[in-house]
């Protein structure tokens, strides 16, 4: 089975289309979106429509919940909150309902689950060692899953727990071993924060994860964002990959 995994599209339709062009020559069995379909950028409705068209397995991100109206962006920074209120006005009612009812976690197989922030909390950032170790401990207590796919940080990451050791990897591919617990993030498709412009994503096939990045016209996407009332900072971050 070949699974294409992406997250944090954030209404960047150019980035989403780039990923789909990149995988078009392949036979894809399933698409998985790790949340935050909308927020920040210029084409929220188009991104939601495309992801629904793909029959994508999608979990709810914090921006999805806020843009739907199910939650308020009380803990968002000023620019992110402005983007949420702007986005709400541009989503069709059925799209807001879809976003509001997305699950907080989803099962791809018995061993592989998808979340937005972490297994413990949709809004948790898996960046610190205490958070990473606590989530591996939680996985052990659950006795499933063996692999967790997550987003939210907008940074590609691989965390492994193996025989009491917890460590990070920075490799272009990863073999999922039966004796390891793994959490990985393919990166922020619509707004990467690793200083490398483009649209990062991953392909999971036969127990091997391949990390990829689709090239596209980032300046064209940034120009769309720049036209938004709150878009100057977001456009510049998109150009820099931050």
Protein backbone atom coordinates (compact mmCIF):
# COMPACT_ATOMS: atom_id res chain seq x y z
CA UNK A 1 0.00 0.00 0.00
CA UNK A 2 1.27 3.45 -0.93
CA UNK A 3 0.12 6.31 1.33
CA UNK A 4 0.82 10.00 0.68
CA UNK A 5 1.05 12.00 3.91
CA UNK A 6 0.98 15.76 4.30
CA UNK A 7 -0.13 18.30 6.88
CA UNK A 8 -0.44 22.00 7.65
CA UNK A 9 -1.57 23.01 4.17
CA UNK A 10 -2.93 26.25 5.67
CA UNK A 11 -4.93 27.34 2.62
CA UNK A 12 -1.85 27.31 0.36
CA UNK A 13 -3.45 25.77 -2.71
CA UNK A 14 -0.27 26.14 -4.78
CA UNK A 15 1.60 23.90 -2.33
CA UNK A 16 -1.17 21.31 -2.24
CA UNK A 17 -1.32 21.18 -6.03
CA UNK A 18 2.47 20.78 -6.16
CA UNK A 19 2.30 17.68 -3.99
CA UNK A 20 -0.46 16.21 -6.11
CA UNK A 21 1.51 16.87 -9.29
CA UNK A 22 4.56 15.25 -7.73
CA UNK A 23 2.70 12.02 -6.95
CA UNK A 24 0.52 11.99 -10.08
CA UNK A 25 2.71 9.36 -11.84
CA UNK A 26 2.28 7.02 -8.86
CA UNK A 27 -0.56 4.73 -7.91
CA UNK A 28 -1.65 6.17 -4.57
CA UNK A 29 -3.88 4.01 -2.38
CA UNK A 30 -4.63 6.62 0.25
CA UNK A 31 -4.02 10.26 1.10
CA UNK A 32 -3.63 11.32 4.73
CA UNK A 33 -3.82 14.93 5.92
CA UNK A 34 -2.53 15.72 9.42
CA UNK A 35 -4.73 18.75 9.98
CA UNK A 36 -4.76 22.52 9.50
CA UNK A 37 -6.24 22.46 6.05
CA UNK A 38 -7.01 26.19 6.44
CA UNK A 39 -5.67 29.30 8.16
CA UNK A 40 -2.96 31.80 7.21
CA UNK A 41 -3.09 31.76 3.42
CA UNK A 42 -5.37 32.79 0.56
CA UNK A 43 -7.35 29.77 -0.70
CA UNK A 44 -9.07 27.94 2.17
CA UNK A 45 -12.16 26.81 0.27
CA UNK A 46 -10.14 25.48 -2.65
CA UNK A 47 -7.90 23.47 -0.32
CA UNK A 48 -10.85 21.99 1.56
CA UNK A 49 -12.58 21.09 -1.70
CA UNK A 50 -9.49 19.36 -3.08
CA UNK A 51 -8.82 17.37 0.09
CA UNK A 52 -12.44 16.22 0.22
CA UNK A 53 -12.27 15.33 -3.47
CA UNK A 54 -9.28 13.08 -2.73
CA UNK A 55 -11.35 11.18 -0.14
CA UNK A 56 -8.45 12.01 2.14
CA UNK A 57 -8.22 10.64 5.67
CA UNK A 58 -7.99 13.94 7.54
CA UNK A 59 -7.67 14.83 11.22
CA UNK A 60 -8.63 18.15 12.76
CA UNK A 61 -6.05 20.85 13.39
CA UNK A 62 -6.47 23.77 15.76
CA UNK A 63 -6.87 26.19 12.83
CA UNK A 64 -9.55 23.94 11.33
CA UNK A 65 -11.53 23.99 14.58
CA UNK A 66 -11.22 27.77 14.92
CA UNK A 67 -12.07 28.49 11.27
CA UNK A 68 -15.17 26.31 11.54
CA UNK A 69 -16.44 28.37 14.48
CA UNK A 70 -16.39 25.36 16.79
CA UNK A 71 -13.67 27.10 18.81
CA UNK A 72 -12.42 30.67 19.16
CA UNK A 73 -8.81 31.69 18.39
CA UNK A 74 -8.25 33.05 21.88
CA UNK A 75 -4.69 31.71 22.17
CA UNK A 76 -3.68 32.56 18.59
CA UNK A 77 -1.33 35.43 17.84
CA UNK A 78 -2.87 38.53 16.26
CA UNK A 79 -2.05 37.66 12.64
CA UNK A 80 -3.26 34.06 13.00
CA UNK A 81 -6.51 35.25 14.62
CA UNK A 82 -7.11 37.77 11.83
CA UNK A 83 -6.60 34.98 9.32
CA UNK A 84 -9.17 32.84 11.12
CA UNK A 85 -11.86 35.52 11.05
CA UNK A 86 -11.12 36.23 7.37
CA UNK A 87 -11.26 32.50 6.59
CA UNK A 88 -14.62 32.01 8.29
CA UNK A 89 -16.19 34.47 5.87
CA UNK A 90 -14.87 32.58 2.87
CA UNK A 91 -15.87 29.03 3.74
CA UNK A 92 -19.17 27.56 2.68
CA UNK A 93 -21.40 26.38 5.55
CA UNK A 94 -20.93 22.70 4.63
CA UNK A 95 -17.16 23.18 4.68
CA UNK A 96 -17.30 24.72 8.15
CA UNK A 97 -19.38 21.73 9.28
CA UNK A 98 -16.83 19.32 7.78
CA UNK A 99 -13.94 21.04 9.55
CA UNK A 100 -15.83 21.12 12.85
CA UNK A 101 -16.48 17.39 12.71
CA UNK A 102 -13.06 16.13 11.68
CA UNK A 103 -11.68 13.57 14.17
CA UNK A 104 -8.80 14.47 16.46
CA UNK A 105 -7.09 11.20 15.65
CA UNK A 106 -7.50 8.54 12.98
CA UNK A 107 -6.37 4.96 12.52
CA UNK A 108 -4.64 4.12 9.25
CA UNK A 109 -3.85 0.57 10.37
CA UNK A 110 -3.82 -1.03 13.81
CA UNK A 111 -0.15 -0.01 14.14
CA UNK A 112 -0.24 3.43 12.44
CA UNK A 113 -2.27 6.38 13.71
CA UNK A 114 -2.58 10.00 12.59
CA UNK A 115 -2.93 13.08 14.81
CA UNK A 116 -2.36 16.81 14.47
CA UNK A 117 -0.31 17.80 17.53
CA UNK A 118 0.18 14.61 19.52
CA UNK A 119 -1.66 11.57 20.82
CA UNK A 120 -2.14 13.33 24.15
CA UNK A 121 -3.34 16.71 22.90
CA UNK A 122 -4.31 18.06 19.49
CA UNK A 123 -2.54 21.35 20.29
CA UNK A 124 0.68 19.94 21.80
CA UNK A 125 3.95 20.74 20.02
CA UNK A 126 6.29 17.76 19.80
CA UNK A 127 9.50 19.75 20.00
CA UNK A 128 10.90 19.24 23.50
CA UNK A 129 12.40 16.05 24.92
CA UNK A 130 9.89 15.93 27.83
CA UNK A 131 6.93 16.11 25.41
CA UNK A 132 8.45 13.52 23.09
CA UNK A 133 9.26 11.09 25.91
CA UNK A 134 5.83 11.56 27.49
CA UNK A 135 4.15 10.66 24.21
CA UNK A 136 6.27 7.55 23.77
CA UNK A 137 5.30 6.56 27.31
CA UNK A 138 1.66 7.12 26.39
CA UNK A 139 2.05 4.91 23.30
CA UNK A 140 3.53 2.17 25.50
CA UNK A 141 0.62 2.40 27.91
CA UNK A 142 -1.88 2.17 25.06
CA UNK A 143 -0.02 -0.82 23.55
CA UNK A 144 -0.92 0.73 20.19
CA UNK A 145 -0.01 2.33 17.89
CA UNK A 146 3.56 1.58 16.93
CA UNK A 147 3.85 4.60 14.61
CA UNK A 148 2.25 8.03 15.01
CA UNK A 149 2.10 10.57 12.19
CA UNK A 150 1.83 14.16 13.41
CA UNK A 151 1.93 17.77 12.20
CA UNK A 152 1.45 21.14 13.94
CA UNK A 153 5.13 22.10 14.28
CA UNK A 154 5.58 22.64 10.52
CA UNK A 155 8.99 20.95 10.79
CA UNK A 156 10.03 17.58 9.45
CA UNK A 157 10.97 15.33 12.33
CA UNK A 158 11.63 11.67 13.13
CA UNK A 159 11.58 10.48 16.74
CA UNK A 160 12.39 6.88 17.66
CA UNK A 161 12.08 4.94 20.93
CA UNK A 162 14.07 1.71 20.91
CA UNK A 163 14.99 -0.42 23.96
CA UNK A 164 14.79 2.49 26.38
CA UNK A 165 16.57 4.98 24.12
CA UNK A 166 14.78 7.97 22.59
CA UNK A 167 16.51 9.74 19.72
CA UNK A 168 15.94 11.88 16.62
CA UNK A 169 16.89 11.08 13.03
CA UNK A 170 17.44 13.32 10.04
CA UNK A 171 17.30 10.93 7.10
CA UNK A 172 15.60 11.02 3.70
CA UNK A 173 13.92 7.69 4.42
CA UNK A 174 12.98 5.57 7.41
CA UNK A 175 12.35 1.84 7.77
CA UNK A 176 9.63 1.12 10.32
CA UNK A 177 11.01 -1.68 12.50
CA UNK A 178 8.73 -3.91 14.58
CA UNK A 179 10.76 -3.44 17.76
CA UNK A 180 10.63 0.38 17.64
CA UNK A 181 8.10 3.06 18.41
CA UNK A 182 8.21 5.95 15.94
CA UNK A 183 6.65 9.40 15.66
CA UNK A 184 7.27 11.40 12.49
CA UNK A 185 6.20 14.68 10.93
CA UNK A 186 6.49 15.16 7.14
CA UNK A 187 6.80 18.95 7.56
CA UNK A 188 4.47 21.87 6.96
CA UNK A 189 3.24 21.48 3.38
CA UNK A 190 1.77 24.96 3.09
CA UNK A 191 4.16 26.82 5.37
CA UNK A 192 7.40 24.99 6.18
CA UNK A 193 9.47 26.23 9.11
CA UNK A 194 12.79 24.61 8.28
CA UNK A 195 14.06 27.48 6.09
CA UNK A 196 13.63 25.44 2.91
CA UNK A 197 10.84 26.72 0.63
CA UNK A 198 8.69 24.14 -1.11
CA UNK A 199 5.98 21.69 -0.07
CA UNK A 200 7.29 18.87 2.16
CA UNK A 201 5.38 15.61 2.41
CA UNK A 202 6.02 11.88 2.87
CA UNK A 203 5.20 8.60 1.15
CA UNK A 204 4.73 5.47 3.23
CA UNK A 205 5.09 2.28 1.23
CA UNK A 206 5.72 -1.29 2.41
CA UNK A 207 6.99 -0.19 5.81
CA UNK A 208 9.35 2.48 4.48
CA UNK A 209 8.78 6.24 4.79
CA UNK A 210 10.25 8.46 2.09
CA UNK A 211 10.44 12.19 2.85
CA UNK A 212 10.00 14.42 -0.17
CA UNK A 213 9.55 18.08 -1.08
CA UNK A 214 7.56 19.31 -4.07
CA UNK A 215 8.87 22.40 -5.82
CA UNK A 216 6.42 25.13 -6.85
CA UNK A 217 6.26 28.86 -7.49
CA UNK A 218 6.51 30.06 -3.90
CA UNK A 219 6.55 33.70 -4.98
CA UNK A 220 3.19 33.28 -6.72
CA UNK A 221 1.68 31.84 -3.53
CA UNK A 222 3.29 34.57 -1.43
CA UNK A 223 1.83 37.23 -3.72
CA UNK A 224 -1.67 35.88 -3.10
CA UNK A 225 -1.06 36.01 0.64
CA UNK A 226 0.43 39.49 0.45
CA UNK A 227 -2.89 40.74 -0.96
CA UNK A 228 -4.69 39.76 2.25
CA UNK A 229 -5.25 42.48 4.89
CA UNK A 230 -2.97 40.63 7.35
CA UNK A 231 -0.70 38.97 4.79
CA UNK A 232 2.61 40.84 4.78
CA UNK A 233 4.34 38.85 7.54
CA UNK A 234 2.89 35.53 6.34
CA UNK A 235 4.02 36.15 2.76
CA UNK A 236 7.55 36.89 3.92
CA UNK A 237 7.64 33.77 6.12
CA UNK A 238 6.49 31.68 3.16
CA UNK A 239 9.30 33.08 1.01
CA UNK A 240 11.89 32.28 3.71
CA UNK A 241 10.45 28.91 4.71
CA UNK A 242 9.96 30.01 8.31
